[in-house]
């Protein structure tokens, strides 16, 4: 469990270092890397569960969870009750 958490935090940190901050104040999904953009495309404006995203993307739950966190920090999605996410 602790090793899973440290791997997740390491991945998140590496993504934050490699991504360039947006110069504008508007939300811009064009600055996302290909994998994050593909996951964002699979999230609807209605609630979408993490399990559904794992099935649709073929990625592991660890990878999807860290990508969701990054998308949420970029204010492109927000969490909804019951482990769901929606596009903003």
PDB file of N, CA and C in Angstrom:
ATOM      1  N   UNK A   1       0.823  -1.194   0.000  1.00  0.00           N
ATOM      2  CA  UNK A   1       0.000   0.000   0.000  1.00  0.00           C
ATOM      3  C   UNK A   1       0.866   1.256   0.000  1.00  0.00           C
ATOM      4  N   UNK A   2       1.886   1.295   0.856  1.00  0.00           N
ATOM      5  CA  UNK A   2       2.747   2.466   0.912  1.00  0.00           C
ATOM      6  C   UNK A   2       3.549   2.597  -0.377  1.00  0.00           C
ATOM      7  N   UNK A   3       3.992   1.457  -0.939  1.00  0.00           N
ATOM      8  CA  UNK A   3       4.753   1.537  -2.189  1.00  0.00           C
ATOM      9  C   UNK A   3       3.858   2.017  -3.326  1.00  0.00           C
ATOM     10  N   UNK A   4       2.580   1.614  -3.319  1.00  0.00           N
ATOM     11  CA  UNK A   4       1.647   2.096  -4.335  1.00  0.00           C
ATOM     12  C   UNK A   4       1.472   3.604  -4.229  1.00  0.00           C
ATOM     13  N   UNK A   5       1.352   4.085  -3.014  1.00  0.00           N
ATOM     14  CA  UNK A   5       1.181   5.516  -2.778  1.00  0.00           C
ATOM     15  C   UNK A   5       2.424   6.281  -3.208  1.00  0.00           C
ATOM     16  N   UNK A   6       3.600   5.761  -2.881  1.00  0.00           N
ATOM     17  CA  UNK A   6       4.811   6.479  -3.275  1.00  0.00           C
ATOM     18  C   UNK A   6       5.015   6.455  -4.782  1.00  0.00           C
ATOM     19  N   UNK A   7       4.611   5.375  -5.458  1.00  0.00           N
ATOM     20  CA  UNK A   7       4.680   5.353  -6.927  1.00  0.00           C
ATOM     21  C   UNK A   7       3.741   6.392  -7.509  1.00  0.00           C
ATOM     22  N   UNK A   8       2.524   6.477  -6.958  1.00  0.00           N
ATOM     23  CA  UNK A   8       1.549   7.450  -7.439  1.00  0.00           C
ATOM     24  C   UNK A   8       2.053   8.876  -7.233  1.00  0.00           C
ATOM     25  N   UNK A   9       2.583   9.158  -6.073  1.00  0.00           N
ATOM     26  CA  UNK A   9       3.099  10.499  -5.802  1.00  0.00           C
ATOM     27  C   UNK A   9       4.300  10.818  -6.691  1.00  0.00           C
ATOM     28  N   UNK A  10       5.136   9.821  -6.948  1.00  0.00           N
ATOM     29  CA  UNK A  10       6.268  10.025  -7.848  1.00  0.00           C
ATOM     30  C   UNK A  10       5.812  10.343  -9.253  1.00  0.00           C
ATOM     31  N   UNK A  11       4.782   9.634  -9.712  1.00  0.00           N
ATOM     32  CA  UNK A  11       4.259   9.897 -11.051  1.00  0.00           C
ATOM     33  C   UNK A  11       3.659  11.301 -11.121  1.00  0.00           C
ATOM     34  N   UNK A  12       2.889  11.665 -10.124  1.00  0.00           N
ATOM     35  CA  UNK A  12       2.265  12.992 -10.107  1.00  0.00           C
ATOM     36  C   UNK A  12       3.344  14.072 -10.109  1.00  0.00           C
ATOM     37  N   UNK A  13       4.363  13.897  -9.304  1.00  0.00           N
ATOM     38  CA  UNK A  13       5.439  14.885  -9.249  1.00  0.00           C
ATOM     39  C   UNK A  13       6.139  15.009 -10.593  1.00  0.00           C
ATOM     40  N   UNK A  14       6.384  13.871 -11.260  1.00  0.00           N
ATOM     41  CA  UNK A  14       7.050  13.935 -12.559  1.00  0.00           C
ATOM     42  C   UNK A  14       6.179  14.634 -13.587  1.00  0.00           C
ATOM     43  N   UNK A  15       4.869  14.436 -13.521  1.00  0.00           N
ATOM     44  CA  UNK A  15       3.963  15.109 -14.446  1.00  0.00           C
ATOM     45  C   UNK A  15       3.929  16.608 -14.187  1.00  0.00           C
ATOM     46  N   UNK A  16       3.953  17.001 -12.942  1.00  0.00           N
ATOM     47  CA  UNK A  16       3.922  18.428 -12.610  1.00  0.00           C
ATOM     48  C   UNK A  16       5.197  19.122 -13.060  1.00  0.00           C
ATOM     49  N   UNK A  17       6.321  18.431 -12.991  1.00  0.00           N
ATOM     50  CA  UNK A  17       7.588  19.018 -13.408  1.00  0.00           C
ATOM     51  C   UNK A  17       7.665  19.144 -14.920  1.00  0.00           C
ATOM     52  N   UNK A  18       7.142  18.148 -15.662  1.00  0.00           N
ATOM     53  CA  UNK A  18       7.275  18.153 -17.113  1.00  0.00           C
ATOM     54  C   UNK A  18       6.225  19.005 -17.810  1.00  0.00           C
ATOM     55  N   UNK A  19       5.113  19.280 -17.175  1.00  0.00           N
ATOM     56  CA  UNK A  19       4.076  20.086 -17.802  1.00  0.00           C
ATOM     57  C   UNK A  19       4.355  21.565 -17.591  1.00  0.00           C
ATOM     58  N   UNK A  20       4.144  22.347 -18.625  1.00  0.00           N
ATOM     59  CA  UNK A  20       4.344  23.785 -18.547  1.00  0.00           C
ATOM     60  C   UNK A  20       3.053  24.441 -18.076  1.00  0.00           C
ATOM     61  N   UNK A  21       3.124  25.403 -17.188  1.00  0.00           N
ATOM     62  CA  UNK A  21       1.905  26.081 -16.740  1.00  0.00           C
ATOM     63  C   UNK A  21       1.289  26.886 -17.878  1.00  0.00           C
ATOM     64  N   UNK A  22      -0.010  26.970 -17.847  1.00  0.00           N
ATOM     65  CA  UNK A  22      -0.737  27.734 -18.854  1.00  0.00           C
ATOM     66  C   UNK A  22      -0.515  29.220 -18.620  1.00  0.00           C
ATOM     67  N   UNK A  23      -0.299  29.962 -19.700  1.00  0.00           N
ATOM     68  CA  UNK A  23      -0.040  31.393 -19.543  1.00  0.00           C
ATOM     69  C   UNK A  23      -1.322  32.196 -19.349  1.00  0.00           C
ATOM     70  N   UNK A  24      -2.461  31.664 -19.814  1.00  0.00           N
ATOM     71  CA  UNK A  24      -3.721  32.374 -19.680  1.00  0.00           C
ATOM     72  C   UNK A  24      -4.499  31.890 -18.483  1.00  0.00           C
ATOM     73  N   UNK A  25      -5.624  32.548 -18.237  1.00  0.00           N
ATOM     74  CA  UNK A  25      -6.450  32.141 -17.115  1.00  0.00           C
ATOM     75  C   UNK A  25      -7.586  31.235 -17.552  1.00  0.00           C
ATOM     76  N   UNK A  26      -7.751  31.032 -18.852  1.00  0.00           N
ATOM     77  CA  UNK A  26      -8.819  30.166 -19.322  1.00  0.00           C
ATOM     78  C   UNK A  26      -8.351  28.718 -19.311  1.00  0.00           C
ATOM     79  N   UNK A  27      -9.308  27.820 -19.168  1.00  0.00           N
ATOM     80  CA  UNK A  27      -9.013  26.401 -19.175  1.00  0.00           C
ATOM     81  C   UNK A  27      -8.705  25.981 -20.602  1.00  0.00           C
ATOM     82  N   UNK A  28      -7.574  25.299 -20.795  1.00  0.00           N
ATOM     83  CA  UNK A  28      -7.145  24.949 -22.140  1.00  0.00           C
ATOM     84  C   UNK A  28      -6.705  23.499 -22.172  1.00  0.00           C
ATOM     85  N   UNK A  29      -7.519  22.640 -22.781  1.00  0.00           N
ATOM     86  CA  UNK A  29      -7.186  21.226 -22.860  1.00  0.00           C
ATOM     87  C   UNK A  29      -6.197  20.936 -23.981  1.00  0.00           C
ATOM     88  N   UNK A  30      -5.876  21.907 -24.829  1.00  0.00           N
ATOM     89  CA  UNK A  30      -4.943  21.669 -25.926  1.00  0.00           C
ATOM     90  C   UNK A  30      -3.511  21.504 -25.430  1.00  0.00           C
ATOM     91  N   UNK A  31      -3.225  21.878 -24.201  1.00  0.00           N
ATOM     92  CA  UNK A  31      -1.880  21.751 -23.647  1.00  0.00           C
ATOM     93  C   UNK A  31      -1.638  20.385 -22.996  1.00  0.00           C
ATOM     94  N   UNK A  32      -2.637  19.500 -22.996  1.00  0.00           N
ATOM     95  CA  UNK A  32      -2.508  18.190 -22.377  1.00  0.00           C
ATOM     96  C   UNK A  32      -1.689  17.261 -23.257  1.00  0.00           C
ATOM     97  N   UNK A  33      -0.997  16.301 -22.615  1.00  0.00           N
ATOM     98  CA  UNK A  33      -0.329  15.291 -23.416  1.00  0.00           C
ATOM     99  C   UNK A  33      -1.394  14.367 -24.005  1.00  0.00           C
ATOM    100  N   UNK A  34      -1.009  13.543 -24.943  1.00  0.00           N
ATOM    101  CA  UNK A  34      -1.960  12.725 -25.705  1.00  0.00           C
ATOM    102  C   UNK A  34      -2.794  11.806 -24.814  1.00  0.00           C
ATOM    103  N   UNK A  35      -2.158  11.144 -23.857  1.00  0.00           N
ATOM    104  CA  UNK A  35      -2.874  10.184 -23.006  1.00  0.00           C
ATOM    105  C   UNK A  35      -3.889  10.896 -22.122  1.00  0.00           C
ATOM    106  N   UNK A  36      -3.505  12.028 -21.536  1.00  0.00           N
ATOM    107  CA  UNK A  36      -4.441  12.783 -20.703  1.00  0.00           C
ATOM    108  C   UNK A  36      -5.595  13.334 -21.526  1.00  0.00           C
ATOM    109  N   UNK A  37      -5.304  13.780 -22.743  1.00  0.00           N
ATOM    110  CA  UNK A  37      -6.361  14.285 -23.629  1.00  0.00           C
ATOM    111  C   UNK A  37      -7.337  13.173 -24.004  1.00  0.00           C
ATOM    112  N   UNK A  38      -6.822  11.974 -24.223  1.00  0.00           N
ATOM    113  CA  UNK A  38      -7.694  10.838 -24.551  1.00  0.00           C
ATOM    114  C   UNK A  38      -8.591  10.492 -23.367  1.00  0.00           C
ATOM    115  N   UNK A  39      -8.036  10.522 -22.157  1.00  0.00           N
ATOM    116  CA  UNK A  39      -8.863  10.240 -20.979  1.00  0.00           C
ATOM    117  C   UNK A  39      -9.912  11.329 -20.801  1.00  0.00           C
ATOM    118  N   UNK A  40      -9.536  12.582 -20.988  1.00  0.00           N
ATOM    119  CA  UNK A  40     -10.485  13.685 -20.871  1.00  0.00           C
ATOM    120  C   UNK A  40     -11.636  13.510 -21.858  1.00  0.00           C
ATOM    121  N   UNK A  41     -11.337  13.054 -23.054  1.00  0.00           N
ATOM    122  CA  UNK A  41     -12.371  12.846 -24.071  1.00  0.00           C
ATOM    123  C   UNK A  41     -13.369  11.769 -23.652  1.00  0.00           C
ATOM    124  N   UNK A  42     -12.949  10.869 -22.776  1.00  0.00           N
ATOM    125  CA  UNK A  42     -13.824   9.791 -22.328  1.00  0.00           C
ATOM    126  C   UNK A  42     -14.669  10.169 -21.120  1.00  0.00           C
ATOM    127  N   UNK A  43     -14.445  11.364 -20.588  1.00  0.00           N
ATOM    128  CA  UNK A  43     -15.226  11.846 -19.447  1.00  0.00           C
ATOM    129  C   UNK A  43     -16.326  12.743 -19.986  1.00  0.00           C
ATOM    130  N   UNK A  44     -17.550  12.415 -19.647  1.00  0.00           N
ATOM    131  CA  UNK A  44     -18.675  13.198 -20.136  1.00  0.00           C
ATOM    132  C   UNK A  44     -19.006  14.362 -19.224  1.00  0.00           C
ATOM    133  N   UNK A  45     -19.993  15.120 -19.627  1.00  0.00           N
ATOM    134  CA  UNK A  45     -20.460  16.229 -18.797  1.00  0.00           C
ATOM    135  C   UNK A  45     -21.411  15.729 -17.724  1.00  0.00           C
ATOM    136  N   UNK A  46     -21.827  14.464 -17.854  1.00  0.00           N
ATOM    137  CA  UNK A  46     -22.560  13.791 -16.797  1.00  0.00           C
ATOM    138  C   UNK A  46     -21.576  12.946 -16.007  1.00  0.00           C
ATOM    139  N   UNK A  47     -21.927  12.502 -14.810  1.00  0.00           N
ATOM    140  CA  UNK A  47     -21.004  11.735 -13.976  1.00  0.00           C
ATOM    141  C   UNK A  47     -20.493  10.467 -14.674  1.00  0.00           C
ATOM    142  N   UNK A  48     -19.173  10.274 -14.630  1.00  0.00           N
ATOM    143  CA  UNK A  48     -18.519   9.097 -15.191  1.00  0.00           C
ATOM    144  C   UNK A  48     -17.688   8.469 -14.080  1.00  0.00           C
ATOM    145  N   UNK A  49     -17.870   7.171 -13.848  1.00  0.00           N
ATOM    146  CA  UNK A  49     -17.163   6.515 -12.747  1.00  0.00           C
ATOM    147  C   UNK A  49     -15.718   6.190 -13.134  1.00  0.00           C
ATOM    148  N   UNK A  50     -14.892   6.047 -12.116  1.00  0.00           N
ATOM    149  CA  UNK A  50     -13.499   5.668 -12.322  1.00  0.00           C
ATOM    150  C   UNK A  50     -13.430   4.288 -12.981  1.00  0.00           C
ATOM    151  N   UNK A  51     -14.282   3.373 -12.547  1.00  0.00           N
ATOM    152  CA  UNK A  51     -14.299   2.028 -13.141  1.00  0.00           C
ATOM    153  C   UNK A  51     -14.600   2.087 -14.636  1.00  0.00           C
ATOM    154  N   UNK A  52     -15.536   2.937 -15.021  1.00  0.00           N
ATOM    155  CA  UNK A  52     -15.864   3.098 -16.441  1.00  0.00           C
ATOM    156  C   UNK A  52     -14.663   3.628 -17.206  1.00  0.00           C
ATOM    157  N   UNK A  53     -13.953   4.581 -16.621  1.00  0.00           N
ATOM    158  CA  UNK A  53     -12.781   5.150 -17.274  1.00  0.00           C
ATOM    159  C   UNK A  53     -11.663   4.124 -17.417  1.00  0.00           C
ATOM    160  N   UNK A  54     -11.492   3.267 -16.417  1.00  0.00           N
ATOM    161  CA  UNK A  54     -10.491   2.202 -16.499  1.00  0.00           C
ATOM    162  C   UNK A  54     -10.846   1.251 -17.638  1.00  0.00           C
ATOM    163  N   UNK A  55     -12.124   0.875 -17.733  1.00  0.00           N
ATOM    164  CA  UNK A  55     -12.560  -0.012 -18.813  1.00  0.00           C
ATOM    165  C   UNK A  55     -12.377   0.632 -20.177  1.00  0.00           C
ATOM    166  N   UNK A  56     -12.789   1.875 -20.319  1.00  0.00           N
ATOM    167  CA  UNK A  56     -12.714   2.566 -21.615  1.00  0.00           C
ATOM    168  C   UNK A  56     -11.272   2.802 -22.063  1.00  0.00           C
ATOM    169  N   UNK A  57     -10.411   3.136 -21.123  1.00  0.00           N
ATOM    170  CA  UNK A  57      -9.042   3.510 -21.475  1.00  0.00           C
ATOM    171  C   UNK A  57      -8.095   2.318 -21.582  1.00  0.00           C
ATOM    172  N   UNK A  58      -8.396   1.249 -20.849  1.00  0.00           N
ATOM    173  CA  UNK A  58      -7.488   0.107 -20.816  1.00  0.00           C
ATOM    174  C   UNK A  58      -6.275   0.344 -19.924  1.00  0.00           C
ATOM    175  N   UNK A  59      -6.283   1.443 -19.171  1.00  0.00           N
ATOM    176  CA  UNK A  59      -5.183   1.775 -18.268  1.00  0.00           C
ATOM    177  C   UNK A  59      -5.454   1.195 -16.886  1.00  0.00           C
ATOM    178  N   UNK A  60      -4.429   1.138 -16.053  1.00  0.00           N
ATOM    179  CA  UNK A  60      -4.609   0.651 -14.683  1.00  0.00           C
ATOM    180  C   UNK A  60      -5.321   1.715 -13.855  1.00  0.00           C
ATOM    181  N   UNK A  61      -5.893   1.279 -12.762  1.00  0.00           N
ATOM    182  CA  UNK A  61      -6.592   2.219 -11.888  1.00  0.00           C
ATOM    183  C   UNK A  61      -5.613   3.235 -11.296  1.00  0.00           C
ATOM    184  N   UNK A  62      -4.363   2.825 -11.032  1.00  0.00           N
ATOM    185  CA  UNK A  62      -3.361   3.762 -10.517  1.00  0.00           C
ATOM    186  C   UNK A  62      -3.106   4.886 -11.515  1.00  0.00           C
ATOM    187  N   UNK A  63      -2.932   4.509 -12.765  1.00  0.00           N
ATOM    188  CA  UNK A  63      -2.638   5.494 -13.818  1.00  0.00           C
ATOM    189  C   UNK A  63      -3.835   6.435 -14.008  1.00  0.00           C
ATOM    190  N   UNK A  64      -5.047   5.858 -14.075  1.00  0.00           N
ATOM    191  CA  UNK A  64      -6.249   6.673 -14.263  1.00  0.00           C
ATOM    192  C   UNK A  64      -6.428   7.629 -13.085  1.00  0.00           C
ATOM    193  N   UNK A  65      -6.208   7.151 -11.883  1.00  0.00           N
ATOM    194  CA  UNK A  65      -6.378   8.000 -10.700  1.00  0.00           C
ATOM    195  C   UNK A  65      -5.416   9.179 -10.715  1.00  0.00           C
ATOM    196  N   UNK A  66      -4.164   8.938 -11.069  1.00  0.00           N
ATOM    197  CA  UNK A  66      -3.211  10.044 -11.095  1.00  0.00           C
ATOM    198  C   UNK A  66      -3.529  11.023 -12.223  1.00  0.00           C
ATOM    199  N   UNK A  67      -3.995  10.508 -13.354  1.00  0.00           N
ATOM    200  CA  UNK A  67      -4.373  11.379 -14.460  1.00  0.00           C
ATOM    201  C   UNK A  67      -5.596  12.223 -14.090  1.00  0.00           C
ATOM    202  N   UNK A  68      -6.544  11.622 -13.380  1.00  0.00           N
ATOM    203  CA  UNK A  68      -7.725  12.361 -12.942  1.00  0.00           C
ATOM    204  C   UNK A  68      -7.332  13.505 -12.009  1.00  0.00           C
ATOM    205  N   UNK A  69      -6.374  13.244 -11.132  1.00  0.00           N
ATOM    206  CA  UNK A  69      -5.908  14.286 -10.229  1.00  0.00           C
ATOM    207  C   UNK A  69      -5.314  15.452 -11.019  1.00  0.00           C
ATOM    208  N   UNK A  70      -4.501  15.143 -12.018  1.00  0.00           N
ATOM    209  CA  UNK A  70      -3.904  16.199 -12.839  1.00  0.00           C
ATOM    210  C   UNK A  70      -4.971  16.980 -13.606  1.00  0.00           C
ATOM    211  N   UNK A  71      -5.953  16.277 -14.153  1.00  0.00           N
ATOM    212  CA  UNK A  71      -7.032  16.956 -14.876  1.00  0.00           C
ATOM    213  C   UNK A  71      -7.848  17.838 -13.937  1.00  0.00           C
ATOM    214  N   UNK A  72      -8.008  17.365 -12.698  1.00  0.00           N
ATOM    215  CA  UNK A  72      -8.746  18.156 -11.715  1.00  0.00           C
ATOM    216  C   UNK A  72      -7.945  19.401 -11.309  1.00  0.00           C
ATOM    217  N   UNK A  73      -6.639  19.240 -11.150  1.00  0.00           N
ATOM    218  CA  UNK A  73      -5.785  20.393 -10.823  1.00  0.00           C
ATOM    219  C   UNK A  73      -5.758  21.407 -11.956  1.00  0.00           C
ATOM    220  N   UNK A  74      -5.891  20.930 -13.195  1.00  0.00           N
ATOM    221  CA  UNK A  74      -5.954  21.820 -14.364  1.00  0.00           C
ATOM    222  C   UNK A  74      -7.344  22.421 -14.548  1.00  0.00           C
ATOM    223  N   UNK A  75      -8.272  22.085 -13.649  1.00  0.00           N
ATOM    224  CA  UNK A  75      -9.656  22.582 -13.666  1.00  0.00           C
ATOM    225  C   UNK A  75     -10.391  22.237 -14.954  1.00  0.00           C
ATOM    226  N   UNK A  76     -10.121  21.030 -15.467  1.00  0.00           N
ATOM    227  CA  UNK A  76     -10.825  20.543 -16.650  1.00  0.00           C
ATOM    228  C   UNK A  76     -11.940  19.584 -16.264  1.00  0.00           C
ATOM    229  N   UNK A  77     -11.827  18.985 -15.070  1.00  0.00           N
ATOM    230  CA  UNK A  77     -12.857  18.099 -14.535  1.00  0.00           C
ATOM    231  C   UNK A  77     -13.040  18.429 -13.063  1.00  0.00           C
ATOM    232  N   UNK A  78     -14.112  17.884 -12.496  1.00  0.00           N
ATOM    233  CA  UNK A  78     -14.284  17.981 -11.049  1.00  0.00           C
ATOM    234  C   UNK A  78     -14.868  16.683 -10.549  1.00  0.00           C
ATOM    235  N   UNK A  79     -14.572  16.376  -9.298  1.00  0.00           N
ATOM    236  CA  UNK A  79     -15.094  15.148  -8.718  1.00  0.00           C
ATOM    237  C   UNK A  79     -16.554  15.331  -8.360  1.00  0.00           C
ATOM    238  N   UNK A  80     -17.277  14.234  -8.447  1.00  0.00           N
ATOM    239  CA  UNK A  80     -18.695  14.209  -8.109  1.00  0.00           C
ATOM    240  C   UNK A  80     -18.892  13.098  -7.078  1.00  0.00           C
ATOM    241  N   UNK A  81     -19.999  13.091  -6.378  1.00  0.00           N
ATOM    242  CA  UNK A  81     -20.230  12.060  -5.371  1.00  0.00           C
ATOM    243  C   UNK A  81     -20.168  10.642  -5.949  1.00  0.00           C
ATOM    244  N   UNK A  82     -19.735   9.715  -5.124  1.00  0.00           N
ATOM    245  CA  UNK A  82     -19.723   8.306  -5.501  1.00  0.00           C
ATOM    246  C   UNK A  82     -18.561   7.896  -6.383  1.00  0.00           C
ATOM    247  N   UNK A  83     -17.458   8.624  -6.320  1.00  0.00           N
ATOM    248  CA  UNK A  83     -16.290   8.266  -7.123  1.00  0.00           C
ATOM    249  C   UNK A  83     -16.464   8.537  -8.612  1.00  0.00           C
ATOM    250  N   UNK A  84     -17.231   9.543  -8.939  1.00  0.00           N
ATOM    251  CA  UNK A  84     -17.472   9.929 -10.324  1.00  0.00           C
ATOM    252  C   UNK A  84     -16.773  11.260 -10.626  1.00  0.00           C
ATOM    253  N   UNK A  85     -16.588  11.506 -11.922  1.00  0.00           N
ATOM    254  CA  UNK A  85     -15.989  12.759 -12.381  1.00  0.00           C
ATOM    255  C   UNK A  85     -16.819  13.318 -13.529  1.00  0.00           C
ATOM    256  N   UNK A  86     -16.825  14.650 -13.647  1.00  0.00           N
ATOM    257  CA  UNK A  86     -17.534  15.315 -14.737  1.00  0.00           C
ATOM    258  C   UNK A  86     -16.619  16.370 -15.352  1.00  0.00           C
ATOM    259  N   UNK A  87     -16.799  16.592 -16.645  1.00  0.00           N
ATOM    260  CA  UNK A  87     -16.066  17.678 -17.314  1.00  0.00           C
ATOM    261  C   UNK A  87     -16.652  19.004 -16.902  1.00  0.00           C
ATOM    262  N   UNK A  88     -15.826  20.015 -16.895  1.00  0.00           N
ATOM    263  CA  UNK A  88     -16.287  21.365 -16.565  1.00  0.00           C
ATOM    264  C   UNK A  88     -16.464  22.125 -17.860  1.00  0.00           C
TER     265      UNK A  88
END
